[in-house]
Amino acid sequence: LGHLGALEFLEVYPYGCLEQTVSKAFPWLAAEELLVLAKREYRDPAFIRSRVERGIAQVVSMRVSGGGFGFWPRDPDVYSWGTGYALLFLARAKEAGYAVPEAVLDQACRQLELNLGAWLRDGEKELAATALAALGAAGRPDQASLTRLLQFEAKMDRDTAAWTALALLSAGRRQEAAAWLGRMEIGSPSAIH
């Protein structure tokens, strides 16, 4: 919590693609949650709230036909991984009490659910793990697909393994998530292949 001032760097972060927009807003949401847990206040709580709300609006503005999100504003194509990341942020923001349009959440969920089977079939593990983490956070965990994803453990890189742990946690499978993270052996180059 002593480094909250570093968040202000996000105000001058110059990029605006979907991934960077979410990455700019998500830390403000996390900071707000940490401050509540620590029973501390930021010098201007309305400032934090406005940054999260701005992030929500910017993400929502990147929706494309079919319910997913584009890489850039006005991009006509769905950015699949970014759709999962954006949905995760929007679901967490809604859980924290922010206004997030229900239709946006529902359509993003449907977009991910529509593609999840193909991603698993085609071995697109990171796309599937990100989608499952987001769906769980949005209250729509797909336990069968998550169990199927776990079969790829030996073939996962660290990023995919981390998204899988988050998917387990989002699906209410806390003990499995903890065991999964324990097997990752953070810091060991050979932990996850």
N, C-alpha and C. Protein backbone atom coordinates (compact mmCIF):
# COMPACT_ATOMS: atom_id res chain seq x y z
N LEU A 1 0.81 -1.20 0.00
CA LEU A 1 0.00 0.00 0.00
C LEU A 1 0.85 1.26 0.00
N GLY A 2 2.10 1.14 0.38
CA GLY A 2 2.97 2.29 0.39
C GLY A 2 3.33 2.80 -0.99
N HIS A 3 3.00 2.06 -2.02
CA HIS A 3 3.37 2.43 -3.38
C HIS A 3 2.18 2.89 -4.22
N LEU A 4 1.12 3.32 -3.58
CA LEU A 4 -0.06 3.76 -4.33
C LEU A 4 0.24 4.93 -5.24
N GLY A 5 1.21 5.74 -4.88
CA GLY A 5 1.57 6.86 -5.74
C GLY A 5 2.05 6.41 -7.10
N ALA A 6 2.61 5.21 -7.17
CA ALA A 6 3.06 4.67 -8.46
C ALA A 6 1.89 4.48 -9.42
N LEU A 7 0.68 4.33 -8.88
CA LEU A 7 -0.49 4.18 -9.74
C LEU A 7 -0.73 5.42 -10.59
N GLU A 8 -0.27 6.54 -10.10
CA GLU A 8 -0.50 7.77 -10.85
C GLU A 8 0.24 7.78 -12.18
N PHE A 9 1.26 6.91 -12.30
CA PHE A 9 1.93 6.75 -13.60
C PHE A 9 0.92 6.33 -14.66
N LEU A 10 -0.10 5.61 -14.23
CA LEU A 10 -1.11 5.15 -15.18
C LEU A 10 -1.83 6.29 -15.87
N GLU A 11 -1.84 7.45 -15.25
CA GLU A 11 -2.49 8.62 -15.85
C GLU A 11 -1.79 9.07 -17.12
N VAL A 12 -0.51 8.81 -17.22
CA VAL A 12 0.23 9.25 -18.41
C VAL A 12 0.60 8.09 -19.31
N TYR A 13 0.07 6.90 -19.01
CA TYR A 13 0.33 5.72 -19.83
C TYR A 13 -0.27 5.98 -21.21
N PRO A 14 0.54 5.97 -22.26
CA PRO A 14 0.11 6.55 -23.53
C PRO A 14 -0.71 5.67 -24.47
N TYR A 15 -0.92 4.41 -24.15
CA TYR A 15 -1.50 3.52 -25.15
C TYR A 15 -2.97 3.23 -24.88
N GLY A 16 -3.70 2.81 -25.90
CA GLY A 16 -5.13 2.65 -25.74
C GLY A 16 -5.74 1.43 -26.38
N CYS A 17 -4.94 0.37 -26.65
CA CYS A 17 -5.57 -0.85 -27.15
C CYS A 17 -6.34 -1.49 -25.99
N LEU A 18 -7.09 -2.53 -26.28
CA LEU A 18 -7.93 -3.16 -25.26
C LEU A 18 -7.10 -3.66 -24.08
N GLU A 19 -6.06 -4.40 -24.37
CA GLU A 19 -5.24 -4.98 -23.30
C GLU A 19 -4.64 -3.88 -22.42
N GLN A 20 -4.14 -2.83 -23.03
CA GLN A 20 -3.53 -1.75 -22.26
C GLN A 20 -4.58 -0.93 -21.50
N THR A 21 -5.77 -0.80 -22.08
CA THR A 21 -6.85 -0.09 -21.39
C THR A 21 -7.25 -0.84 -20.12
N VAL A 22 -7.40 -2.16 -20.24
CA VAL A 22 -7.73 -2.96 -19.06
C VAL A 22 -6.59 -2.91 -18.05
N SER A 23 -5.36 -3.03 -18.54
CA SER A 23 -4.20 -3.01 -17.65
C SER A 23 -4.03 -1.66 -16.96
N LYS A 24 -4.56 -0.63 -17.53
CA LYS A 24 -4.51 0.71 -16.92
C LYS A 24 -5.59 0.86 -15.85
N ALA A 25 -6.74 0.24 -16.04
CA ALA A 25 -7.86 0.39 -15.10
C ALA A 25 -7.84 -0.65 -13.97
N PHE A 26 -7.39 -1.85 -14.26
CA PHE A 26 -7.45 -2.93 -13.28
C PHE A 26 -6.69 -2.60 -11.99
N PRO A 27 -5.49 -2.00 -12.05
CA PRO A 27 -4.78 -1.69 -10.81
C PRO A 27 -5.55 -0.73 -9.90
N TRP A 28 -6.32 0.19 -10.48
CA TRP A 28 -7.13 1.10 -9.66
C TRP A 28 -8.20 0.31 -8.91
N LEU A 29 -8.80 -0.66 -9.57
CA LEU A 29 -9.81 -1.50 -8.92
C LEU A 29 -9.17 -2.29 -7.78
N ALA A 30 -8.00 -2.86 -8.05
CA ALA A 30 -7.30 -3.62 -7.02
C ALA A 30 -6.89 -2.72 -5.85
N ALA A 31 -6.42 -1.52 -6.15
CA ALA A 31 -6.01 -0.59 -5.09
C ALA A 31 -7.19 -0.25 -4.20
N GLU A 32 -8.34 -0.03 -4.81
CA GLU A 32 -9.53 0.29 -4.03
C GLU A 32 -9.86 -0.85 -3.07
N GLU A 33 -9.78 -2.09 -3.56
CA GLU A 33 -10.07 -3.26 -2.73
C GLU A 33 -9.04 -3.40 -1.61
N LEU A 34 -7.76 -3.18 -1.92
CA LEU A 34 -6.71 -3.27 -0.90
C LEU A 34 -6.89 -2.22 0.18
N LEU A 35 -7.26 -1.02 -0.22
CA LEU A 35 -7.47 0.05 0.76
C LEU A 35 -8.61 -0.29 1.72
N VAL A 36 -9.66 -0.88 1.20
CA VAL A 36 -10.78 -1.28 2.04
C VAL A 36 -10.32 -2.35 3.03
N LEU A 37 -9.58 -3.35 2.54
CA LEU A 37 -9.09 -4.42 3.41
C LEU A 37 -8.16 -3.88 4.50
N ALA A 38 -7.34 -2.91 4.15
CA ALA A 38 -6.38 -2.34 5.10
C ALA A 38 -6.98 -1.23 5.96
N LYS A 39 -8.26 -0.92 5.71
CA LYS A 39 -8.95 0.16 6.44
C LYS A 39 -8.19 1.47 6.34
N ARG A 40 -7.72 1.75 5.13
CA ARG A 40 -7.01 3.00 4.86
C ARG A 40 -7.72 3.74 3.74
N GLU A 41 -7.41 5.01 3.61
CA GLU A 41 -8.02 5.82 2.57
C GLU A 41 -6.96 6.42 1.66
N TYR A 42 -7.31 6.54 0.41
CA TYR A 42 -6.49 7.25 -0.55
C TYR A 42 -6.82 8.73 -0.40
N ARG A 43 -5.91 9.60 -0.74
CA ARG A 43 -6.15 11.03 -0.51
C ARG A 43 -7.41 11.53 -1.22
N ASP A 44 -7.81 10.85 -2.29
CA ASP A 44 -9.01 11.27 -3.02
C ASP A 44 -9.73 10.01 -3.53
N PRO A 45 -10.59 9.40 -2.69
CA PRO A 45 -11.27 8.16 -3.10
C PRO A 45 -12.09 8.32 -4.39
N ALA A 46 -12.63 9.50 -4.63
CA ALA A 46 -13.41 9.72 -5.86
C ALA A 46 -12.52 9.62 -7.09
N PHE A 47 -11.25 9.94 -6.94
CA PHE A 47 -10.30 9.84 -8.06
C PHE A 47 -10.15 8.38 -8.49
N ILE A 48 -9.98 7.49 -7.52
CA ILE A 48 -9.86 6.06 -7.84
C ILE A 48 -11.12 5.59 -8.54
N ARG A 49 -12.26 5.94 -7.97
CA ARG A 49 -13.54 5.50 -8.55
C ARG A 49 -13.69 6.01 -9.98
N SER A 50 -13.28 7.24 -10.23
CA SER A 50 -13.42 7.80 -11.58
C SER A 50 -12.52 7.06 -12.57
N ARG A 51 -11.37 6.58 -12.12
CA ARG A 51 -10.45 5.86 -13.01
C ARG A 51 -11.01 4.50 -13.39
N VAL A 52 -11.64 3.83 -12.43
CA VAL A 52 -12.27 2.54 -12.72
C VAL A 52 -13.46 2.76 -13.66
N GLU A 53 -14.27 3.77 -13.38
CA GLU A 53 -15.43 4.05 -14.24
C GLU A 53 -14.99 4.42 -15.65
N ARG A 54 -13.94 5.19 -15.76
CA ARG A 54 -13.41 5.54 -17.09
C ARG A 54 -12.94 4.28 -17.82
N GLY A 55 -12.27 3.40 -17.10
CA GLY A 55 -11.82 2.14 -17.70
C GLY A 55 -12.99 1.31 -18.20
N ILE A 56 -14.04 1.22 -17.40
CA ILE A 56 -15.24 0.47 -17.81
C ILE A 56 -15.79 1.06 -19.10
N ALA A 57 -15.95 2.37 -19.14
CA ALA A 57 -16.51 3.03 -20.32
C ALA A 57 -15.64 2.79 -21.55
N GLN A 58 -14.33 2.89 -21.38
CA GLN A 58 -13.44 2.68 -22.52
C GLN A 58 -13.50 1.24 -23.02
N VAL A 59 -13.54 0.29 -22.11
CA VAL A 59 -13.62 -1.12 -22.51
C VAL A 59 -14.94 -1.37 -23.23
N VAL A 60 -16.03 -0.90 -22.65
CA VAL A 60 -17.35 -1.11 -23.26
C VAL A 60 -17.39 -0.50 -24.67
N SER A 61 -16.69 0.61 -24.88
CA SER A 61 -16.69 1.25 -26.20
C SER A 61 -15.96 0.42 -27.25
N MET A 62 -15.23 -0.61 -26.84
CA MET A 62 -14.49 -1.44 -27.79
C MET A 62 -15.24 -2.72 -28.17
N ARG A 63 -16.52 -2.79 -27.80
CA ARG A 63 -17.33 -3.95 -28.18
C ARG A 63 -17.48 -4.02 -29.68
N VAL A 64 -17.52 -5.25 -30.16
CA VAL A 64 -17.75 -5.48 -31.59
C VAL A 64 -18.99 -6.34 -31.74
N SER A 65 -19.44 -6.45 -32.95
CA SER A 65 -20.61 -7.28 -33.25
C SER A 65 -20.33 -8.71 -32.78
N GLY A 66 -21.30 -9.32 -32.16
CA GLY A 66 -21.13 -10.67 -31.65
C GLY A 66 -20.82 -10.71 -30.17
N GLY A 67 -20.55 -9.56 -29.55
CA GLY A 67 -20.39 -9.50 -28.11
C GLY A 67 -18.98 -9.48 -27.59
N GLY A 68 -17.99 -9.75 -28.44
CA GLY A 68 -16.61 -9.69 -27.97
C GLY A 68 -16.10 -8.26 -28.02
N PHE A 69 -14.80 -8.12 -27.89
CA PHE A 69 -14.15 -6.82 -27.89
C PHE A 69 -13.06 -6.80 -28.94
N GLY A 70 -12.88 -5.64 -29.57
CA GLY A 70 -11.83 -5.48 -30.56
C GLY A 70 -10.52 -5.07 -29.93
N PHE A 71 -9.44 -5.21 -30.67
CA PHE A 71 -8.11 -4.85 -30.17
C PHE A 71 -8.01 -3.34 -29.97
N TRP A 72 -8.60 -2.58 -30.89
CA TRP A 72 -8.60 -1.11 -30.83
C TRP A 72 -10.03 -0.62 -30.91
N PRO A 73 -10.30 0.61 -30.45
CA PRO A 73 -11.64 1.18 -30.66
C PRO A 73 -11.99 1.15 -32.16
N ARG A 74 -13.20 0.85 -32.45
CA ARG A 74 -13.73 0.76 -33.83
C ARG A 74 -13.13 -0.38 -34.65
N ASP A 75 -12.44 -1.30 -33.99
CA ASP A 75 -11.91 -2.48 -34.67
C ASP A 75 -13.09 -3.42 -34.93
N PRO A 76 -13.28 -3.91 -36.15
CA PRO A 76 -14.43 -4.76 -36.43
C PRO A 76 -14.25 -6.22 -36.00
N ASP A 77 -13.02 -6.63 -35.70
CA ASP A 77 -12.75 -8.04 -35.40
C ASP A 77 -12.63 -8.29 -33.90
N VAL A 78 -13.05 -9.48 -33.49
CA VAL A 78 -12.95 -9.87 -32.08
C VAL A 78 -11.51 -10.23 -31.76
N TYR A 79 -11.02 -9.68 -30.68
CA TYR A 79 -9.71 -10.03 -30.11
C TYR A 79 -10.03 -11.03 -28.99
N SER A 80 -9.85 -12.30 -29.27
CA SER A 80 -10.33 -13.36 -28.37
C SER A 80 -9.70 -13.31 -26.99
N TRP A 81 -8.38 -13.27 -26.90
CA TRP A 81 -7.75 -13.23 -25.59
C TRP A 81 -8.17 -11.96 -24.86
N GLY A 82 -8.18 -10.85 -25.56
CA GLY A 82 -8.57 -9.57 -24.96
C GLY A 82 -10.00 -9.58 -24.47
N THR A 83 -10.88 -10.31 -25.14
CA THR A 83 -12.26 -10.41 -24.70
C THR A 83 -12.33 -11.07 -23.33
N GLY A 84 -11.53 -12.12 -23.13
CA GLY A 84 -11.49 -12.76 -21.82
C GLY A 84 -10.96 -11.83 -20.75
N TYR A 85 -9.87 -11.13 -21.07
CA TYR A 85 -9.25 -10.20 -20.12
C TYR A 85 -10.21 -9.06 -19.78
N ALA A 86 -10.88 -8.53 -20.79
CA ALA A 86 -11.84 -7.44 -20.58
C ALA A 86 -13.02 -7.92 -19.73
N LEU A 87 -13.53 -9.11 -20.02
CA LEU A 87 -14.64 -9.64 -19.24
C LEU A 87 -14.23 -9.85 -17.79
N LEU A 88 -13.02 -10.33 -17.55
CA LEU A 88 -12.54 -10.50 -16.18
C LEU A 88 -12.57 -9.17 -15.44
N PHE A 89 -12.05 -8.13 -16.06
CA PHE A 89 -12.06 -6.80 -15.44
C PHE A 89 -13.49 -6.33 -15.19
N LEU A 90 -14.35 -6.43 -16.19
CA LEU A 90 -15.73 -5.95 -16.04
C LEU A 90 -16.48 -6.73 -14.96
N ALA A 91 -16.26 -8.05 -14.90
CA ALA A 91 -16.92 -8.86 -13.87
C ALA A 91 -16.43 -8.48 -12.48
N ARG A 92 -15.14 -8.25 -12.33
CA ARG A 92 -14.59 -7.85 -11.02
C ARG A 92 -15.10 -6.45 -10.64
N ALA A 93 -15.20 -5.58 -11.63
CA ALA A 93 -15.72 -4.24 -11.35
C ALA A 93 -17.18 -4.31 -10.90
N LYS A 94 -17.96 -5.14 -11.56
CA LYS A 94 -19.37 -5.29 -11.16
C LYS A 94 -19.45 -5.86 -9.74
N GLU A 95 -18.63 -6.84 -9.46
CA GLU A 95 -18.59 -7.44 -8.12
C GLU A 95 -18.23 -6.40 -7.06
N ALA A 96 -17.41 -5.41 -7.43
CA ALA A 96 -17.01 -4.35 -6.50
C ALA A 96 -18.05 -3.24 -6.40
N GLY A 97 -19.17 -3.37 -7.14
CA GLY A 97 -20.24 -2.40 -7.02
C GLY A 97 -20.32 -1.37 -8.12
N TYR A 98 -19.52 -1.51 -9.15
CA TYR A 98 -19.56 -0.57 -10.27
C TYR A 98 -20.68 -0.95 -11.22
N ALA A 99 -21.20 0.05 -11.92
CA ALA A 99 -22.25 -0.18 -12.91
C ALA A 99 -21.61 -0.71 -14.19
N VAL A 100 -21.95 -1.93 -14.52
CA VAL A 100 -21.49 -2.56 -15.76
C VAL A 100 -22.74 -3.09 -16.44
N PRO A 101 -22.98 -2.70 -17.69
CA PRO A 101 -24.19 -3.16 -18.36
C PRO A 101 -24.28 -4.69 -18.42
N GLU A 102 -25.38 -5.21 -17.93
CA GLU A 102 -25.59 -6.67 -17.90
C GLU A 102 -25.51 -7.27 -19.30
N ALA A 103 -26.03 -6.56 -20.29
CA ALA A 103 -25.99 -7.07 -21.67
C ALA A 103 -24.56 -7.22 -22.17
N VAL A 104 -23.68 -6.31 -21.77
CA VAL A 104 -22.28 -6.39 -22.18
C VAL A 104 -21.64 -7.65 -21.59
N LEU A 105 -21.88 -7.89 -20.31
CA LEU A 105 -21.34 -9.08 -19.66
C LEU A 105 -21.89 -10.35 -20.31
N ASP A 106 -23.20 -10.38 -20.51
CA ASP A 106 -23.83 -11.57 -21.08
C ASP A 106 -23.31 -11.86 -22.49
N GLN A 107 -23.20 -10.84 -23.32
CA GLN A 107 -22.74 -11.06 -24.69
C GLN A 107 -21.27 -11.47 -24.73
N ALA A 108 -20.45 -10.91 -23.86
CA ALA A 108 -19.05 -11.32 -23.81
C ALA A 108 -18.94 -12.77 -23.35
N CYS A 109 -19.75 -13.14 -22.36
CA CYS A 109 -19.77 -14.54 -21.92
C CYS A 109 -20.15 -15.47 -23.06
N ARG A 110 -21.20 -15.10 -23.77
CA ARG A 110 -21.64 -15.95 -24.88
C ARG A 110 -20.58 -16.07 -25.96
N GLN A 111 -19.86 -14.97 -26.23
CA GLN A 111 -18.78 -15.00 -27.23
C GLN A 111 -17.71 -16.01 -26.81
N LEU A 112 -17.33 -15.98 -25.54
CA LEU A 112 -16.31 -16.91 -25.05
C LEU A 112 -16.83 -18.34 -25.02
N GLU A 113 -18.05 -18.52 -24.55
CA GLU A 113 -18.64 -19.86 -24.49
C GLU A 113 -18.76 -20.49 -25.88
N LEU A 114 -19.06 -19.67 -26.85
CA LEU A 114 -19.19 -20.13 -28.23
C LEU A 114 -17.89 -20.71 -28.78
N ASN A 115 -16.76 -20.15 -28.36
CA ASN A 115 -15.46 -20.56 -28.89
C ASN A 115 -14.67 -21.51 -28.01
N LEU A 116 -15.08 -21.67 -26.78
CA LEU A 116 -14.31 -22.44 -25.80
C LEU A 116 -14.03 -23.88 -26.24
N GLY A 117 -15.04 -24.56 -26.73
CA GLY A 117 -14.84 -25.95 -27.17
C GLY A 117 -13.80 -26.07 -28.27
N ALA A 118 -13.85 -25.17 -29.24
CA ALA A 118 -12.87 -25.19 -30.34
C ALA A 118 -11.47 -24.91 -29.83
N TRP A 119 -11.34 -23.96 -28.90
CA TRP A 119 -10.01 -23.65 -28.36
C TRP A 119 -9.43 -24.86 -27.65
N LEU A 120 -10.25 -25.57 -26.88
CA LEU A 120 -9.76 -26.76 -26.19
C LEU A 120 -9.42 -27.86 -27.19
N ARG A 121 -10.26 -28.05 -28.17
CA ARG A 121 -10.03 -29.07 -29.19
C ARG A 121 -8.74 -28.79 -29.97
N ASP A 122 -8.50 -27.51 -30.26
CA ASP A 122 -7.33 -27.11 -31.06
C ASP A 122 -6.08 -26.88 -30.22
N GLY A 123 -6.16 -27.10 -28.92
CA GLY A 123 -4.99 -26.93 -28.06
C GLY A 123 -4.64 -25.49 -27.75
N GLU A 124 -5.59 -24.58 -27.93
CA GLU A 124 -5.38 -23.15 -27.62
C GLU A 124 -5.57 -22.96 -26.11
N LYS A 125 -4.59 -23.44 -25.36
CA LYS A 125 -4.71 -23.51 -23.91
C LYS A 125 -4.83 -22.15 -23.24
N GLU A 126 -4.03 -21.17 -23.66
CA GLU A 126 -4.09 -19.87 -22.99
C GLU A 126 -5.43 -19.18 -23.27
N LEU A 127 -5.93 -19.28 -24.49
CA LEU A 127 -7.25 -18.70 -24.78
C LEU A 127 -8.32 -19.35 -23.91
N ALA A 128 -8.26 -20.69 -23.81
CA ALA A 128 -9.24 -21.40 -23.01
C ALA A 128 -9.12 -21.05 -21.53
N ALA A 129 -7.90 -20.98 -21.01
CA ALA A 129 -7.71 -20.66 -19.60
C ALA A 129 -8.19 -19.25 -19.27
N THR A 130 -7.88 -18.30 -20.14
CA THR A 130 -8.33 -16.92 -19.93
C THR A 130 -9.85 -16.85 -19.96
N ALA A 131 -10.44 -17.51 -20.94
CA ALA A 131 -11.90 -17.52 -21.05
C ALA A 131 -12.54 -18.14 -19.80
N LEU A 132 -11.98 -19.24 -19.33
CA LEU A 132 -12.55 -19.90 -18.16
C LEU A 132 -12.41 -19.06 -16.89
N ALA A 133 -11.29 -18.35 -16.75
CA ALA A 133 -11.13 -17.45 -15.60
C ALA A 133 -12.18 -16.34 -15.66
N ALA A 134 -12.38 -15.78 -16.84
CA ALA A 134 -13.35 -14.70 -17.01
C ALA A 134 -14.78 -15.18 -16.79
N LEU A 135 -15.10 -16.33 -17.36
CA LEU A 135 -16.45 -16.87 -17.19
C LEU A 135 -16.75 -17.16 -15.72
N GLY A 136 -15.78 -17.71 -15.02
CA GLY A 136 -15.96 -17.97 -13.59
C GLY A 136 -16.19 -16.67 -12.83
N ALA A 137 -15.41 -15.65 -13.13
CA ALA A 137 -15.56 -14.36 -12.47
C ALA A 137 -16.91 -13.74 -12.76
N ALA A 138 -17.45 -14.03 -13.94
CA ALA A 138 -18.76 -13.49 -14.33
C ALA A 138 -19.92 -14.35 -13.81
N GLY A 139 -19.60 -15.38 -13.02
CA GLY A 139 -20.64 -16.22 -12.45
C GLY A 139 -21.13 -17.31 -13.36
N ARG A 140 -20.35 -17.62 -14.40
CA ARG A 140 -20.74 -18.67 -15.35
C ARG A 140 -19.60 -19.66 -15.55
N PRO A 141 -19.13 -20.29 -14.46
CA PRO A 141 -18.03 -21.24 -14.60
C PRO A 141 -18.45 -22.45 -15.43
N ASP A 142 -17.54 -22.96 -16.20
CA ASP A 142 -17.78 -24.16 -17.01
C ASP A 142 -16.86 -25.24 -16.45
N GLN A 143 -17.40 -25.99 -15.49
CA GLN A 143 -16.59 -26.98 -14.79
C GLN A 143 -16.06 -28.07 -15.71
N ALA A 144 -16.88 -28.52 -16.65
CA ALA A 144 -16.44 -29.59 -17.55
C ALA A 144 -15.27 -29.14 -18.43
N SER A 145 -15.36 -27.93 -18.97
CA SER A 145 -14.27 -27.41 -19.80
C SER A 145 -13.02 -27.17 -18.97
N LEU A 146 -13.20 -26.74 -17.74
CA LEU A 146 -12.05 -26.51 -16.87
C LEU A 146 -11.34 -27.83 -16.57
N THR A 147 -12.10 -28.87 -16.29
CA THR A 147 -11.51 -30.19 -16.06
C THR A 147 -10.77 -30.66 -17.31
N ARG A 148 -11.33 -30.40 -18.45
CA ARG A 148 -10.67 -30.76 -19.72
C ARG A 148 -9.36 -29.99 -19.89
N LEU A 149 -9.36 -28.71 -19.56
CA LEU A 149 -8.15 -27.90 -19.66
C LEU A 149 -7.03 -28.45 -18.78
N LEU A 150 -7.39 -28.94 -17.61
CA LEU A 150 -6.38 -29.45 -16.67
C LEU A 150 -5.59 -30.62 -17.26
N GLN A 151 -6.15 -31.28 -18.24
CA GLN A 151 -5.44 -32.40 -18.88
C GLN A 151 -4.22 -31.94 -19.67
N PHE A 152 -4.14 -30.64 -19.95
CA PHE A 152 -3.00 -30.09 -20.71
C PHE A 152 -1.87 -29.62 -19.80
N GLU A 153 -1.92 -29.91 -18.51
CA GLU A 153 -0.96 -29.35 -17.55
C GLU A 153 0.49 -29.50 -18.01
N ALA A 154 0.87 -30.65 -18.48
CA ALA A 154 2.27 -30.89 -18.85
C ALA A 154 2.71 -30.05 -20.05
N LYS A 155 1.75 -29.51 -20.79
CA LYS A 155 2.08 -28.73 -22.00
C LYS A 155 1.85 -27.24 -21.82
N MET A 156 1.68 -26.78 -20.59
CA MET A 156 1.37 -25.37 -20.36
C MET A 156 2.63 -24.56 -20.06
N ASP A 157 2.65 -23.34 -20.60
CA ASP A 157 3.69 -22.40 -20.19
C ASP A 157 3.22 -21.72 -18.90
N ARG A 158 4.06 -20.89 -18.32
CA ARG A 158 3.73 -20.25 -17.04
C ARG A 158 2.49 -19.37 -17.12
N ASP A 159 2.36 -18.59 -18.19
CA ASP A 159 1.20 -17.70 -18.30
C ASP A 159 -0.09 -18.51 -18.31
N THR A 160 -0.11 -19.57 -19.11
CA THR A 160 -1.31 -20.40 -19.20
C THR A 160 -1.60 -21.07 -17.86
N ALA A 161 -0.56 -21.53 -17.19
CA ALA A 161 -0.73 -22.16 -15.88
C ALA A 161 -1.30 -21.15 -14.87
N ALA A 162 -0.83 -19.92 -14.91
CA ALA A 162 -1.35 -18.89 -14.00
C ALA A 162 -2.82 -18.60 -14.30
N TRP A 163 -3.16 -18.47 -15.59
CA TRP A 163 -4.57 -18.26 -15.96
C TRP A 163 -5.42 -19.45 -15.52
N THR A 164 -4.88 -20.65 -15.60
CA THR A 164 -5.61 -21.84 -15.17
C THR A 164 -5.86 -21.80 -13.67
N ALA A 165 -4.86 -21.38 -12.90
CA ALA A 165 -5.05 -21.25 -11.45
C ALA A 165 -6.17 -20.25 -11.16
N LEU A 166 -6.17 -19.13 -11.89
CA LEU A 166 -7.22 -18.13 -11.71
C LEU A 166 -8.58 -18.70 -12.12
N ALA A 167 -8.61 -19.50 -13.17
CA ALA A 167 -9.85 -20.14 -13.60
C ALA A 167 -10.38 -21.08 -12.52
N LEU A 168 -9.49 -21.85 -11.91
CA LEU A 168 -9.89 -22.74 -10.81
C LEU A 168 -10.46 -21.93 -9.65
N LEU A 169 -9.77 -20.86 -9.29
CA LEU A 169 -10.22 -20.00 -8.20
C LEU A 169 -11.57 -19.37 -8.53
N SER A 170 -11.72 -18.86 -9.74
CA SER A 170 -12.98 -18.22 -10.16
C SER A 170 -14.13 -19.20 -10.22
N ALA A 171 -13.81 -20.48 -10.41
CA ALA A 171 -14.85 -21.51 -10.47
C ALA A 171 -15.16 -22.09 -9.09
N GLY A 172 -14.55 -21.53 -8.05
CA GLY A 172 -14.82 -22.00 -6.70
C GLY A 172 -14.01 -23.21 -6.28
N ARG A 173 -12.97 -23.52 -7.03
CA ARG A 173 -12.15 -24.70 -6.74
C ARG A 173 -10.84 -24.25 -6.08
N ARG A 174 -10.99 -23.66 -4.90
CA ARG A 174 -9.89 -23.03 -4.17
C ARG A 174 -8.74 -23.99 -3.86
N GLN A 175 -9.04 -25.16 -3.34
CA GLN A 175 -7.98 -26.10 -2.97
C GLN A 175 -7.20 -26.55 -4.20
N GLU A 176 -7.90 -26.79 -5.30
CA GLU A 176 -7.20 -27.17 -6.54
C GLU A 176 -6.33 -26.03 -7.04
N ALA A 177 -6.82 -24.80 -6.92
CA ALA A 177 -6.04 -23.63 -7.35
C ALA A 177 -4.77 -23.52 -6.51
N ALA A 178 -4.89 -23.71 -5.21
CA ALA A 178 -3.71 -23.64 -4.33
C ALA A 178 -2.71 -24.74 -4.69
N ALA A 179 -3.20 -25.94 -4.92
CA ALA A 179 -2.30 -27.05 -5.29
C ALA A 179 -1.64 -26.77 -6.64
N TRP A 180 -2.42 -26.23 -7.56
CA TRP A 180 -1.90 -25.90 -8.90
C TRP A 180 -0.77 -24.88 -8.78
N LEU A 181 -0.99 -23.83 -8.00
CA LEU A 181 0.04 -22.81 -7.81
C LEU A 181 1.26 -23.39 -7.12
N GLY A 182 1.05 -24.30 -6.19
CA GLY A 182 2.17 -24.95 -5.51
C GLY A 182 3.04 -25.74 -6.47
N ARG A 183 2.42 -26.35 -7.46
CA ARG A 183 3.19 -27.12 -8.46
C ARG A 183 3.94 -26.21 -9.42
N MET A 184 3.52 -24.95 -9.53
CA MET A 184 4.19 -24.04 -10.46
C MET A 184 5.60 -23.69 -10.02
N GLU A 185 5.89 -23.77 -8.71
CA GLU A 185 7.22 -23.45 -8.20
C GLU A 185 7.74 -22.15 -8.81
N ILE A 186 7.07 -21.07 -8.50
CA ILE A 186 7.46 -19.76 -9.02
C ILE A 186 8.95 -19.53 -8.80
N GLY A 187 9.63 -19.10 -9.82
CA GLY A 187 11.06 -18.85 -9.73
C GLY A 187 11.90 -19.95 -10.33
N SER A 188 11.31 -21.12 -10.52
CA SER A 188 12.04 -22.22 -11.12
C SER A 188 11.80 -22.23 -12.62
N PRO A 189 12.86 -22.12 -13.43
CA PRO A 189 12.67 -22.04 -14.87
C PRO A 189 12.01 -23.28 -15.48
N SER A 190 12.10 -24.40 -14.80
CA SER A 190 11.54 -25.62 -15.38
C SER A 190 10.20 -26.01 -14.76
N ALA A 191 9.63 -25.11 -13.97
CA ALA A 191 8.41 -25.46 -13.24
C ALA A 191 7.26 -25.86 -14.14
N ILE A 192 6.97 -25.05 -15.11
CA ILE A 192 5.88 -25.32 -16.05
C ILE A 192 6.49 -25.27 -17.44
N HIS A 193 6.17 -26.24 -18.26
CA HIS A 193 6.80 -26.34 -19.59
C HIS A 193 6.19 -25.40 -20.57
